[in-house]
Amino acid sequence: MHLTTERDGGVVTVRLHRPAARNALSTALCDELLATLRPLDRDPDIGCFVITGSDGFFSAGADIREMAAMSPVQAMTADLFAGWEEFAAFRTPKIAAVAGYALGGGCELAMMCDLVFAAEDARFGQPEITLGVIPGIGGTQRLTRLVGTAKAMDLILTGRMMPAREAEQCGLVSRIVPADQLLAEAQSAAAVIAGHSRLAVTAAREAVQRSQEVGLREGLLFERRVFHGLFATADRAEGMSAFLEKRAARFAGS
């Protein structure tokens, strides 16, 4: 077992649990994470995932011991790291609650989440260059989109670590939270998201993600058409009625 899982209402919290390996992202951990979240991603009563690690390490990155003796053919045959794309593609929103080090694959795992909450002691980095390789779970692509080419080049080519405050200033981190409040803050935000219309949350995520892939004109048109489409949902009718009636909305996900 490389994970612990806790469900509270519409929020599922997953804690990486390989303390002896500083939560390194082995193939077994990835497989277990996917097997755990796959059915939950299809559960209409689940509205948000929180992914966290331990106090000192969110994750030290990919499991170097597992890769050290691997040949190129073995890496290609296994399609090493391809499973993480399934994690990134889950439709349920994900919040990374990062304390301590999030390095290499750990930083890439955080970037696959929709929001990143960081403790004041959090450190982010892509140190793969010091091992004679480059990021392989999306670091060169997602980091560049999040922080820009100049900052991504700085981190990836030097392998240096970036403190939480710098990560927030350059757009990698959503919020910085005192370490003893990190998980509670992430779970509270997750409960807020889970309480919204699942259809609207899904549409909002897709619209924001689309903005990273298309031009402004096409993105604006996509947003407007999705907005129009939500008028067909019962959740839209309930949300607007609740606003006019000055009461809390009760979304059914339909």
C-alpha atoms as a PDB file:
ATOM      1  CA  MET A   1       0.000   0.000   0.000  1.00  0.00           C
ATOM      2  CA  HIS A   2       1.493   3.307  -1.116  1.00  0.00           C
ATOM      3  CA  LEU A   3      -1.509   5.512  -0.339  1.00  0.00           C
ATOM      4  CA  THR A   4      -4.028   6.280   2.340  1.00  0.00           C
ATOM      5  CA  THR A   5      -7.473   7.470   1.341  1.00  0.00           C
ATOM      6  CA  GLU A   6     -10.110   9.401   3.263  1.00  0.00           C
ATOM      7  CA  ARG A   7     -13.580  10.275   2.033  1.00  0.00           C
ATOM      8  CA  ASP A   8     -15.595  13.095   3.596  1.00  0.00           C
ATOM      9  CA  GLY A   9     -18.813  13.951   1.780  1.00  0.00           C
ATOM     10  CA  GLY A  10     -17.918  14.883  -1.784  1.00  0.00           C
ATOM     11  CA  VAL A  11     -14.186  15.187  -1.081  1.00  0.00           C
ATOM     12  CA  VAL A  12     -11.619  12.392  -1.315  1.00  0.00           C
ATOM     13  CA  THR A  13      -8.199  13.030   0.206  1.00  0.00           C
ATOM     14  CA  VAL A  14      -5.337  10.849  -0.987  1.00  0.00           C
ATOM     15  CA  ARG A  15      -2.082  10.903   0.959  1.00  0.00           C
ATOM     16  CA  LEU A  16       1.047   9.531  -0.717  1.00  0.00           C
ATOM     17  CA  HIS A  17       2.608   7.096   1.733  1.00  0.00           C
ATOM     18  CA  ARG A  18       6.094   5.836   0.896  1.00  0.00           C
ATOM     19  CA  PRO A  19       7.961   7.491   3.784  1.00  0.00           C
ATOM     20  CA  ALA A  20      11.130   5.421   3.357  1.00  0.00           C
ATOM     21  CA  ALA A  21      11.360   6.565  -0.288  1.00  0.00           C
ATOM     22  CA  ARG A  22      10.250  10.164   0.360  1.00  0.00           C
ATOM     23  CA  ASN A  23       7.026   9.416  -1.517  1.00  0.00           C
ATOM     24  CA  ALA A  24       8.873   8.635  -4.745  1.00  0.00           C
ATOM     25  CA  LEU A  25       6.457   7.995  -7.588  1.00  0.00           C
ATOM     26  CA  SER A  26       7.059   4.345  -8.409  1.00  0.00           C
ATOM     27  CA  THR A  27       5.080   2.463 -11.028  1.00  0.00           C
ATOM     28  CA  ALA A  28       3.285   0.612  -8.240  1.00  0.00           C
ATOM     29  CA  LEU A  29       2.281   3.911  -6.604  1.00  0.00           C
ATOM     30  CA  CYS A  30       1.009   5.263  -9.914  1.00  0.00           C
ATOM     31  CA  ASP A  31      -0.977   2.066 -10.553  1.00  0.00           C
ATOM     32  CA  GLU A  32      -2.468   2.169  -7.056  1.00  0.00           C
ATOM     33  CA  LEU A  33      -3.373   5.846  -7.382  1.00  0.00           C
ATOM     34  CA  LEU A  34      -5.119   5.256 -10.705  1.00  0.00           C
ATOM     35  CA  ALA A  35      -6.945   2.164  -9.428  1.00  0.00           C
ATOM     36  CA  THR A  36      -8.129   4.163  -6.407  1.00  0.00           C
ATOM     37  CA  LEU A  37      -9.284   7.260  -8.259  1.00  0.00           C
ATOM     38  CA  ARG A  38     -10.639   5.686 -11.454  1.00  0.00           C
ATOM     39  CA  PRO A  39     -13.997   4.557  -9.972  1.00  0.00           C
ATOM     40  CA  LEU A  40     -14.235   7.680  -7.809  1.00  0.00           C
ATOM     41  CA  ASP A  41     -13.837   9.870 -10.897  1.00  0.00           C
ATOM     42  CA  ARG A  42     -17.054   8.302 -12.213  1.00  0.00           C
ATOM     43  CA  ASP A  43     -18.899   8.659  -8.883  1.00  0.00           C
ATOM     44  CA  PRO A  44     -21.424  11.516  -9.196  1.00  0.00           C
ATOM     45  CA  ASP A  45     -21.265  12.101  -5.448  1.00  0.00           C
ATOM     46  CA  ILE A  46     -17.550  12.949  -5.540  1.00  0.00           C
ATOM     47  CA  GLY A  47     -16.751  16.555  -6.406  1.00  0.00           C
ATOM     48  CA  CYS A  48     -13.053  17.047  -5.687  1.00  0.00           C
ATOM     49  CA  PHE A  49      -9.811  15.191  -4.935  1.00  0.00           C
ATOM     50  CA  VAL A  50      -7.103  16.453  -2.581  1.00  0.00           C
ATOM     51  CA  ILE A  51      -3.635  14.992  -3.180  1.00  0.00           C
ATOM     52  CA  THR A  52      -1.087  15.429  -0.418  1.00  0.00           C
ATOM     53  CA  GLY A  53       2.101  13.911   0.962  1.00  0.00           C
ATOM     54  CA  SER A  54       3.852  13.959   4.302  1.00  0.00           C
ATOM     55  CA  ASP A  55       5.194  16.894   6.312  1.00  0.00           C
ATOM     56  CA  GLY A  56       8.693  16.872   4.845  1.00  0.00           C
ATOM     57  CA  PHE A  57       7.945  15.606   1.356  1.00  0.00           C
ATOM     58  CA  PHE A  58       5.059  15.955  -1.015  1.00  0.00           C
ATOM     59  CA  SER A  59       7.129  13.747  -3.304  1.00  0.00           C
ATOM     60  CA  ALA A  60      10.846  13.537  -4.078  1.00  0.00           C
ATOM     61  CA  GLY A  61       9.994  12.654  -7.671  1.00  0.00           C
ATOM     62  CA  ALA A  62      10.148   9.562  -9.829  1.00  0.00           C
ATOM     63  CA  ASP A  63      11.618   6.398  -8.336  1.00  0.00           C
ATOM     64  CA  ILE A  64      15.258   6.551  -9.437  1.00  0.00           C
ATOM     65  CA  ARG A  65      16.028   3.060  -8.113  1.00  0.00           C
ATOM     66  CA  GLU A  66      13.307   1.689 -10.341  1.00  0.00           C
ATOM     67  CA  MET A  67      14.705   3.438 -13.427  1.00  0.00           C
ATOM     68  CA  ALA A  68      18.463   3.219 -12.852  1.00  0.00           C
ATOM     69  CA  ALA A  69      19.030  -0.084 -14.668  1.00  0.00           C
ATOM     70  CA  MET A  70      16.306   0.367 -17.270  1.00  0.00           C
ATOM     71  CA  SER A  71      17.229   0.181 -20.957  1.00  0.00           C
ATOM     72  CA  PRO A  72      15.704   2.439 -23.636  1.00  0.00           C
ATOM     73  CA  VAL A  73      13.800  -0.557 -24.989  1.00  0.00           C
ATOM     74  CA  GLN A  74      12.397  -1.352 -21.567  1.00  0.00           C
ATOM     75  CA  ALA A  75      11.379   2.286 -21.046  1.00  0.00           C
ATOM     76  CA  MET A  76       9.666   2.407 -24.441  1.00  0.00           C
ATOM     77  CA  THR A  77       8.037  -1.008 -24.084  1.00  0.00           C
ATOM     78  CA  ALA A  78       6.631  -0.086 -20.685  1.00  0.00           C
ATOM     79  CA  ASP A  79       5.701   3.382 -22.023  1.00  0.00           C
ATOM     80  CA  LEU A  80       7.240   4.712 -18.823  1.00  0.00           C
ATOM     81  CA  PHE A  81       5.160   7.471 -17.154  1.00  0.00           C
ATOM     82  CA  ALA A  82       2.274   7.176 -19.647  1.00  0.00           C
ATOM     83  CA  GLY A  83      -0.077   6.276 -16.791  1.00  0.00           C
ATOM     84  CA  TRP A  84       0.203   9.777 -15.381  1.00  0.00           C
ATOM     85  CA  GLU A  85      -1.697  11.119 -18.360  1.00  0.00           C
ATOM     86  CA  GLU A  86      -4.753   9.225 -17.109  1.00  0.00           C
ATOM     87  CA  PHE A  87      -4.368  10.957 -13.745  1.00  0.00           C
ATOM     88  CA  ALA A  88      -4.145  14.357 -15.442  1.00  0.00           C
ATOM     89  CA  ALA A  89      -7.230  13.573 -17.517  1.00  0.00           C
ATOM     90  CA  PHE A  90      -9.531  12.747 -14.594  1.00  0.00           C
ATOM     91  CA  ARG A  91     -12.525  15.057 -14.827  1.00  0.00           C
ATOM     92  CA  THR A  92     -12.879  15.503 -11.071  1.00  0.00           C
ATOM     93  CA  PRO A  93     -11.062  18.674  -9.938  1.00  0.00           C
ATOM     94  CA  LYS A  94      -7.827  18.037  -8.074  1.00  0.00           C
ATOM     95  CA  ILE A  95      -6.082  20.134  -5.422  1.00  0.00           C
ATOM     96  CA  ALA A  96      -2.440  19.464  -4.561  1.00  0.00           C
ATOM     97  CA  ALA A  97      -1.641  20.245  -0.911  1.00  0.00           C
ATOM     98  CA  VAL A  98       2.142  20.550  -0.913  1.00  0.00           C
ATOM     99  CA  ALA A  99       4.350  20.661   2.187  1.00  0.00           C
ATOM    100  CA  GLY A 100       8.106  20.180   2.011  1.00  0.00           C
ATOM    101  CA  TYR A 101       9.724  19.112  -1.227  1.00  0.00           C
ATOM    102  CA  ALA A 102       7.906  18.642  -4.546  1.00  0.00           C
ATOM    103  CA  LEU A 103      10.731  17.756  -6.897  1.00  0.00           C
ATOM    104  CA  GLY A 104      10.832  16.289 -10.389  1.00  0.00           C
ATOM    105  CA  GLY A 105       7.811  14.025 -10.707  1.00  0.00           C
ATOM    106  CA  GLY A 106       6.492  15.466  -7.444  1.00  0.00           C
ATOM    107  CA  CYS A 107       6.434  18.953  -8.966  1.00  0.00           C
ATOM    108  CA  GLU A 108       4.913  17.487 -12.128  1.00  0.00           C
ATOM    109  CA  LEU A 109       2.224  15.724 -10.069  1.00  0.00           C
ATOM    110  CA  ALA A 110       1.336  19.043  -8.416  1.00  0.00           C
ATOM    111  CA  MET A 111       1.137  20.711 -11.826  1.00  0.00           C
ATOM    112  CA  MET A 112      -1.304  18.048 -13.017  1.00  0.00           C
ATOM    113  CA  CYS A 113      -3.710  19.303 -10.357  1.00  0.00           C
ATOM    114  CA  ASP A 114      -6.097  22.220 -10.931  1.00  0.00           C
ATOM    115  CA  LEU A 115      -5.021  24.128  -7.829  1.00  0.00           C
ATOM    116  CA  VAL A 116      -1.801  23.984  -5.821  1.00  0.00           C
ATOM    117  CA  PHE A 117      -1.891  24.960  -2.158  1.00  0.00           C
ATOM    118  CA  ALA A 118       1.580  25.200  -0.636  1.00  0.00           C
ATOM    119  CA  ALA A 119       2.822  25.312   2.925  1.00  0.00           C
ATOM    120  CA  GLU A 120       5.285  28.082   3.679  1.00  0.00           C
ATOM    121  CA  ASP A 121       8.125  25.528   3.720  1.00  0.00           C
ATOM    122  CA  ALA A 122       7.275  24.015   0.325  1.00  0.00           C
ATOM    123  CA  ARG A 123      10.014  23.789  -2.304  1.00  0.00           C
ATOM    124  CA  PHE A 124       9.437  23.101  -5.996  1.00  0.00           C
ATOM    125  CA  GLY A 125      11.955  22.026  -8.608  1.00  0.00           C
ATOM    126  CA  GLN A 126      12.775  20.036 -11.715  1.00  0.00           C
ATOM    127  CA  PRO A 127      16.260  18.690 -10.901  1.00  0.00           C
ATOM    128  CA  GLU A 128      16.315  15.955 -13.565  1.00  0.00           C
ATOM    129  CA  ILE A 129      19.193  17.717 -15.359  1.00  0.00           C
ATOM    130  CA  THR A 130      21.455  16.767 -12.442  1.00  0.00           C
ATOM    131  CA  LEU A 131      20.742  13.104 -13.252  1.00  0.00           C
ATOM    132  CA  GLY A 132      21.607  13.460 -16.923  1.00  0.00           C
ATOM    133  CA  VAL A 133      17.988  13.443 -18.106  1.00  0.00           C
ATOM    134  CA  ILE A 134      15.089  15.882 -18.485  1.00  0.00           C
ATOM    135  CA  PRO A 135      11.597  15.976 -16.976  1.00  0.00           C
ATOM    136  CA  GLY A 136       9.475  13.119 -18.330  1.00  0.00           C
ATOM    137  CA  ILE A 137       6.023  13.570 -16.767  1.00  0.00           C
ATOM    138  CA  GLY A 138       5.199  16.884 -18.404  1.00  0.00           C
ATOM    139  CA  GLY A 139       7.607  19.251 -16.647  1.00  0.00           C
ATOM    140  CA  THR A 140       8.981  20.955 -19.738  1.00  0.00           C
ATOM    141  CA  GLN A 141       5.449  21.530 -21.056  1.00  0.00           C
ATOM    142  CA  ARG A 142       3.261  22.300 -18.047  1.00  0.00           C
ATOM    143  CA  LEU A 143       5.888  24.328 -16.172  1.00  0.00           C
ATOM    144  CA  THR A 144       6.518  26.507 -19.215  1.00  0.00           C
ATOM    145  CA  ARG A 145       2.804  27.135 -19.661  1.00  0.00           C
ATOM    146  CA  LEU A 146       2.405  28.014 -15.974  1.00  0.00           C
ATOM    147  CA  VAL A 147       5.459  30.184 -15.309  1.00  0.00           C
ATOM    148  CA  GLY A 148       6.725  31.195 -18.767  1.00  0.00           C
ATOM    149  CA  THR A 149       9.798  30.250 -20.764  1.00  0.00           C
ATOM    150  CA  ALA A 150      12.339  32.318 -18.803  1.00  0.00           C
ATOM    151  CA  LYS A 151      11.465  30.881 -15.403  1.00  0.00           C
ATOM    152  CA  ALA A 152      11.014  27.343 -16.756  1.00  0.00           C
ATOM    153  CA  MET A 153      14.448  27.469 -18.394  1.00  0.00           C
ATOM    154  CA  ASP A 154      15.960  28.724 -15.144  1.00  0.00           C
ATOM    155  CA  LEU A 155      14.495  25.847 -13.131  1.00  0.00           C
ATOM    156  CA  ILE A 156      14.996  23.067 -15.678  1.00  0.00           C
ATOM    157  CA  LEU A 157      18.508  23.981 -16.848  1.00  0.00           C
ATOM    158  CA  THR A 158      19.956  24.750 -13.416  1.00  0.00           C
ATOM    159  CA  GLY A 159      17.965  22.198 -11.428  1.00  0.00           C
ATOM    160  CA  ARG A 160      17.532  24.706  -8.602  1.00  0.00           C
ATOM    161  CA  MET A 161      14.648  24.625  -6.152  1.00  0.00           C
ATOM    162  CA  MET A 162      12.058  27.386  -5.942  1.00  0.00           C
ATOM    163  CA  PRO A 163      10.537  28.403  -2.568  1.00  0.00           C
ATOM    164  CA  ALA A 164       6.774  28.616  -2.114  1.00  0.00           C
ATOM    165  CA  ARG A 165       6.651  32.410  -2.261  1.00  0.00           C
ATOM    166  CA  GLU A 166       8.473  32.527  -5.597  1.00  0.00           C
ATOM    167  CA  ALA A 167       6.251  29.718  -6.901  1.00  0.00           C
ATOM    168  CA  GLU A 168       3.167  31.726  -5.984  1.00  0.00           C
ATOM    169  CA  GLN A 169       4.528  34.905  -7.575  1.00  0.00           C
ATOM    170  CA  CYS A 170       5.220  33.174 -10.888  1.00  0.00           C
ATOM    171  CA  GLY A 171       1.878  31.372 -11.096  1.00  0.00           C
ATOM    172  CA  LEU A 172       2.675  27.795 -10.066  1.00  0.00           C
ATOM    173  CA  VAL A 173       1.005  28.014  -6.648  1.00  0.00           C
ATOM    174  CA  SER A 174      -2.578  29.142  -5.999  1.00  0.00           C
ATOM    175  CA  ARG A 175      -2.303  29.841  -2.256  1.00  0.00           C
ATOM    176  CA  ILE A 176       0.354  29.778   0.456  1.00  0.00           C
ATOM    177  CA  VAL A 177      -0.940  28.485   3.772  1.00  0.00           C
ATOM    178  CA  PRO A 178       0.665  27.980   7.213  1.00  0.00           C
ATOM    179  CA  ALA A 179       1.868  24.393   7.362  1.00  0.00           C
ATOM    180  CA  ASP A 180      -0.433  23.408  10.209  1.00  0.00           C
ATOM    181  CA  GLN A 181      -3.454  24.653   8.252  1.00  0.00           C
ATOM    182  CA  LEU A 182      -2.507  23.303   4.820  1.00  0.00           C
ATOM    183  CA  LEU A 183      -4.643  20.175   4.635  1.00  0.00           C
ATOM    184  CA  ALA A 184      -7.666  21.782   6.297  1.00  0.00           C
ATOM    185  CA  GLU A 185      -7.481  24.729   3.878  1.00  0.00           C
ATOM    186  CA  ALA A 186      -7.231  22.407   0.865  1.00  0.00           C
ATOM    187  CA  GLN A 187     -10.095  20.230   2.090  1.00  0.00           C
ATOM    188  CA  SER A 188     -12.232  23.297   2.796  1.00  0.00           C
ATOM    189  CA  ALA A 189     -11.680  24.600  -0.739  1.00  0.00           C
ATOM    190  CA  ALA A 190     -12.369  21.103  -2.096  1.00  0.00           C
ATOM    191  CA  ALA A 191     -15.683  21.003  -0.210  1.00  0.00           C
ATOM    192  CA  VAL A 192     -16.652  24.351  -1.737  1.00  0.00           C
ATOM    193  CA  ILE A 193     -15.903  23.055  -5.240  1.00  0.00           C
ATOM    194  CA  ALA A 194     -17.733  19.785  -4.538  1.00  0.00           C
ATOM    195  CA  GLY A 195     -20.782  21.783  -3.462  1.00  0.00           C
ATOM    196  CA  HIS A 196     -21.112  23.519  -6.811  1.00  0.00           C
ATOM    197  CA  SER A 197     -22.876  22.102  -9.859  1.00  0.00           C
ATOM    198  CA  ARG A 198     -20.687  19.282 -11.141  1.00  0.00           C
ATOM    199  CA  LEU A 199     -21.715  20.136 -14.699  1.00  0.00           C
ATOM    200  CA  ALA A 200     -20.702  23.773 -14.281  1.00  0.00           C
ATOM    201  CA  VAL A 201     -17.411  22.831 -12.603  1.00  0.00           C
ATOM    202  CA  THR A 202     -16.583  20.449 -15.443  1.00  0.00           C
ATOM    203  CA  ALA A 203     -17.442  23.098 -18.030  1.00  0.00           C
ATOM    204  CA  ALA A 204     -15.370  25.731 -16.230  1.00  0.00           C
ATOM    205  CA  ARG A 205     -12.321  23.428 -16.047  1.00  0.00           C
ATOM    206  CA  GLU A 206     -12.571  22.582 -19.719  1.00  0.00           C
ATOM    207  CA  ALA A 207     -12.910  26.229 -20.702  1.00  0.00           C
ATOM    208  CA  VAL A 208      -9.865  27.252 -18.663  1.00  0.00           C
ATOM    209  CA  GLN A 209      -7.846  24.328 -20.008  1.00  0.00           C
ATOM    210  CA  ARG A 210      -8.886  25.211 -23.564  1.00  0.00           C
ATOM    211  CA  SER A 211      -7.427  28.685 -23.075  1.00  0.00           C
ATOM    212  CA  GLN A 212      -3.971  27.068 -22.959  1.00  0.00           C
ATOM    213  CA  GLU A 213      -4.395  25.448 -26.362  1.00  0.00           C
ATOM    214  CA  VAL A 214      -6.231  27.859 -28.656  1.00  0.00           C
ATOM    215  CA  GLY A 215      -6.203  31.504 -29.666  1.00  0.00           C
ATOM    216  CA  LEU A 216      -8.276  34.141 -27.832  1.00  0.00           C
ATOM    217  CA  ARG A 217     -11.044  34.357 -30.435  1.00  0.00           C
ATOM    218  CA  GLU A 218     -11.577  30.596 -30.553  1.00  0.00           C
ATOM    219  CA  GLY A 219     -11.368  30.376 -26.770  1.00  0.00           C
ATOM    220  CA  LEU A 220     -13.982  33.086 -26.289  1.00  0.00           C
ATOM    221  CA  LEU A 221     -16.318  31.348 -28.726  1.00  0.00           C
ATOM    222  CA  PHE A 222     -15.803  28.016 -26.923  1.00  0.00           C
ATOM    223  CA  GLU A 223     -16.593  29.662 -23.574  1.00  0.00           C
ATOM    224  CA  ARG A 224     -19.748  31.308 -24.904  1.00  0.00           C
ATOM    225  CA  ARG A 225     -21.071  28.091 -26.461  1.00  0.00           C
ATOM    226  CA  VAL A 226     -20.417  26.144 -23.246  1.00  0.00           C
ATOM    227  CA  PHE A 227     -22.157  28.926 -21.312  1.00  0.00           C
ATOM    228  CA  HIS A 228     -25.152  28.647 -23.643  1.00  0.00           C
ATOM    229  CA  GLY A 229     -25.171  24.865 -23.265  1.00  0.00           C
ATOM    230  CA  LEU A 230     -25.449  25.074 -19.486  1.00  0.00           C
ATOM    231  CA  PHE A 231     -28.841  26.724 -19.918  1.00  0.00           C
ATOM    232  CA  ALA A 232     -30.143  23.235 -20.731  1.00  0.00           C
ATOM    233  CA  THR A 233     -29.272  21.945 -17.264  1.00  0.00           C
ATOM    234  CA  ALA A 234     -31.485  21.707 -14.201  1.00  0.00           C
ATOM    235  CA  ASP A 235     -28.546  22.969 -12.156  1.00  0.00           C
ATOM    236  CA  ARG A 236     -28.596  26.268 -14.047  1.00  0.00           C
ATOM    237  CA  ALA A 237     -32.338  26.690 -13.343  1.00  0.00           C
ATOM    238  CA  GLU A 238     -31.821  25.778  -9.677  1.00  0.00           C
ATOM    239  CA  GLY A 239     -28.845  28.102  -9.262  1.00  0.00           C
ATOM    240  CA  MET A 240     -30.592  31.133 -10.707  1.00  0.00           C
ATOM    241  CA  SER A 241     -33.841  30.400  -8.844  1.00  0.00           C
ATOM    242  CA  ALA A 242     -31.950  30.051  -5.575  1.00  0.00           C
ATOM    243  CA  PHE A 243     -30.205  33.380  -6.182  1.00  0.00           C
ATOM    244  CA  LEU A 244     -33.494  35.180  -6.826  1.00  0.00           C
ATOM    245  CA  GLU A 245     -35.144  33.484  -3.843  1.00  0.00           C
ATOM    246  CA  LYS A 246     -32.157  34.300  -1.592  1.00  0.00           C
ATOM    247  CA  ARG A 247     -31.518  30.704  -0.545  1.00  0.00           C
ATOM    248  CA  ALA A 248     -28.738  28.170  -0.961  1.00  0.00           C
ATOM    249  CA  ALA A 249     -28.803  26.251  -4.229  1.00  0.00           C
ATOM    250  CA  ARG A 250     -29.326  22.484  -4.152  1.00  0.00           C
ATOM    251  CA  PHE A 251     -27.553  21.116  -7.217  1.00  0.00           C
ATOM    252  CA  ALA A 252     -28.471  17.658  -8.494  1.00  0.00           C
ATOM    253  CA  GLY A 253     -25.842  17.345 -11.191  1.00  0.00           C
ATOM    254  CA  SER A 254     -28.392  17.278 -13.988  1.00  0.00           C
END
